[in-house]
Amino acid sequence: MINQDNTIPCPVCKTPIPFNVQSLMAGVNFSCPKCFASIGLSKESVPVVEDTMQKLEALKTNKNK
């Protein structure tokens, strides 16, 4: 699960891995600071994540009205 401070738990050791959404969407991989496992998005996942991010932004916009 991704949280508000832009970290995701390492799939290996559960240490929070900081990431930048724009970089993640651009194909950058991020490494765990503890065990050096790498996370990233597959090309197939990018459209799904883009759609989800757009829906999240729409919810945020509607909430602030």
C-alpha atoms as a PDB file:
ATOM      1  CA  MET A   1       0.000   0.000   0.000  1.00  0.00           C
ATOM      2  CA  ILE A   2       1.268   3.457  -0.899  1.00  0.00           C
ATOM      3  CA  ASN A   3       0.896   6.131   1.769  1.00  0.00           C
ATOM      4  CA  GLN A   4       0.818   9.941   1.907  1.00  0.00           C
ATOM      5  CA  ASP A   5       4.568  10.447   2.376  1.00  0.00           C
ATOM      6  CA  ASN A   6       5.414   8.703  -0.928  1.00  0.00           C
ATOM      7  CA  THR A   7       6.969   5.562   0.455  1.00  0.00           C
ATOM      8  CA  ILE A   8       6.117   1.959  -0.238  1.00  0.00           C
ATOM      9  CA  PRO A   9       7.114  -0.971   1.961  1.00  0.00           C
ATOM     10  CA  CYS A  10       9.981  -3.010   0.555  1.00  0.00           C
ATOM     11  CA  PRO A  11       8.617  -6.354  -0.660  1.00  0.00           C
ATOM     12  CA  VAL A  12      11.642  -8.087   0.894  1.00  0.00           C
ATOM     13  CA  CYS A  13      12.314  -6.440   4.279  1.00  0.00           C
ATOM     14  CA  LYS A  14       9.363  -4.016   4.710  1.00  0.00           C
ATOM     15  CA  THR A  15      11.619  -0.951   5.083  1.00  0.00           C
ATOM     16  CA  PRO A  16       9.892   2.141   3.606  1.00  0.00           C
ATOM     17  CA  ILE A  17      11.247   2.944   0.137  1.00  0.00           C
ATOM     18  CA  PRO A  18      10.859   6.639  -0.755  1.00  0.00           C
ATOM     19  CA  PHE A  19       9.772   7.346  -4.323  1.00  0.00           C
ATOM     20  CA  ASN A  20       8.630  10.163  -6.583  1.00  0.00           C
ATOM     21  CA  VAL A  21       5.385   9.504  -8.478  1.00  0.00           C
ATOM     22  CA  GLN A  22       6.481  11.298 -11.648  1.00  0.00           C
ATOM     23  CA  SER A  23       9.775   9.406 -11.748  1.00  0.00           C
ATOM     24  CA  LEU A  24       8.026   6.114 -11.056  1.00  0.00           C
ATOM     25  CA  MET A  25       5.647   6.780 -13.958  1.00  0.00           C
ATOM     26  CA  ALA A  26       8.645   7.621 -16.171  1.00  0.00           C
ATOM     27  CA  GLY A  27      10.130   4.180 -15.549  1.00  0.00           C
ATOM     28  CA  VAL A  28      12.649   4.945 -12.802  1.00  0.00           C
ATOM     29  CA  ASN A  29      13.310   2.118 -10.341  1.00  0.00           C
ATOM     30  CA  PHE A  30      13.810   2.837  -6.646  1.00  0.00           C
ATOM     31  CA  SER A  31      16.002   0.831  -4.262  1.00  0.00           C
ATOM     32  CA  CYS A  32      15.427  -0.143  -0.664  1.00  0.00           C
ATOM     33  CA  PRO A  33      17.861   1.734   1.584  1.00  0.00           C
ATOM     34  CA  LYS A  34      18.284  -1.362   3.762  1.00  0.00           C
ATOM     35  CA  CYS A  35      18.426  -4.464   1.531  1.00  0.00           C
ATOM     36  CA  PHE A  36      18.789  -2.756  -1.898  1.00  0.00           C
ATOM     37  CA  ALA A  37      15.801  -4.571  -3.446  1.00  0.00           C
ATOM     38  CA  SER A  38      14.466  -2.634  -6.428  1.00  0.00           C
ATOM     39  CA  ILE A  39      10.883  -1.574  -7.161  1.00  0.00           C
ATOM     40  CA  GLY A  40       9.386  -0.078 -10.298  1.00  0.00           C
ATOM     41  CA  LEU A  41       6.432  -0.275 -12.659  1.00  0.00           C
ATOM     42  CA  SER A  42       6.157  -2.635 -15.569  1.00  0.00           C
ATOM     43  CA  LYS A  43       5.191  -0.999 -18.867  1.00  0.00           C
ATOM     44  CA  GLU A  44       1.845  -2.800 -18.649  1.00  0.00           C
ATOM     45  CA  SER A  45       1.100  -1.189 -15.266  1.00  0.00           C
ATOM     46  CA  VAL A  46       1.685   2.413 -16.321  1.00  0.00           C
ATOM     47  CA  PRO A  47      -1.797   2.987 -17.864  1.00  0.00           C
ATOM     48  CA  VAL A  48      -3.486   1.509 -14.784  1.00  0.00           C
ATOM     49  CA  VAL A  49      -1.478   3.726 -12.434  1.00  0.00           C
ATOM     50  CA  GLU A  50      -2.055   6.812 -14.611  1.00  0.00           C
ATOM     51  CA  ASP A  51      -5.818   6.185 -14.510  1.00  0.00           C
ATOM     52  CA  THR A  52      -5.736   5.678 -10.744  1.00  0.00           C
ATOM     53  CA  MET A  53      -3.712   8.859 -10.199  1.00  0.00           C
ATOM     54  CA  GLN A  54      -6.184  10.862 -12.317  1.00  0.00           C
ATOM     55  CA  LYS A  55      -9.091   9.491 -10.263  1.00  0.00           C
ATOM     56  CA  LEU A  56      -7.258  10.341  -7.036  1.00  0.00           C
ATOM     57  CA  GLU A  57      -6.657  13.914  -8.194  1.00  0.00           C
ATOM     58  CA  ALA A  58     -10.340  14.247  -9.160  1.00  0.00           C
ATOM     59  CA  LEU A  59     -11.354  13.079  -5.685  1.00  0.00           C
ATOM     60  CA  LYS A  60      -8.980  15.586  -4.076  1.00  0.00           C
ATOM     61  CA  THR A  61     -10.372  18.384  -6.254  1.00  0.00           C
ATOM     62  CA  ASN A  62     -13.978  17.498  -5.418  1.00  0.00           C
ATOM     63  CA  LYS A  63     -13.183  17.274  -1.701  1.00  0.00           C
ATOM     64  CA  ASN A  64     -11.734  20.782  -1.665  1.00  0.00           C
ATOM     65  CA  LYS A  65     -14.890  22.337  -3.176  1.00  0.00           C
END
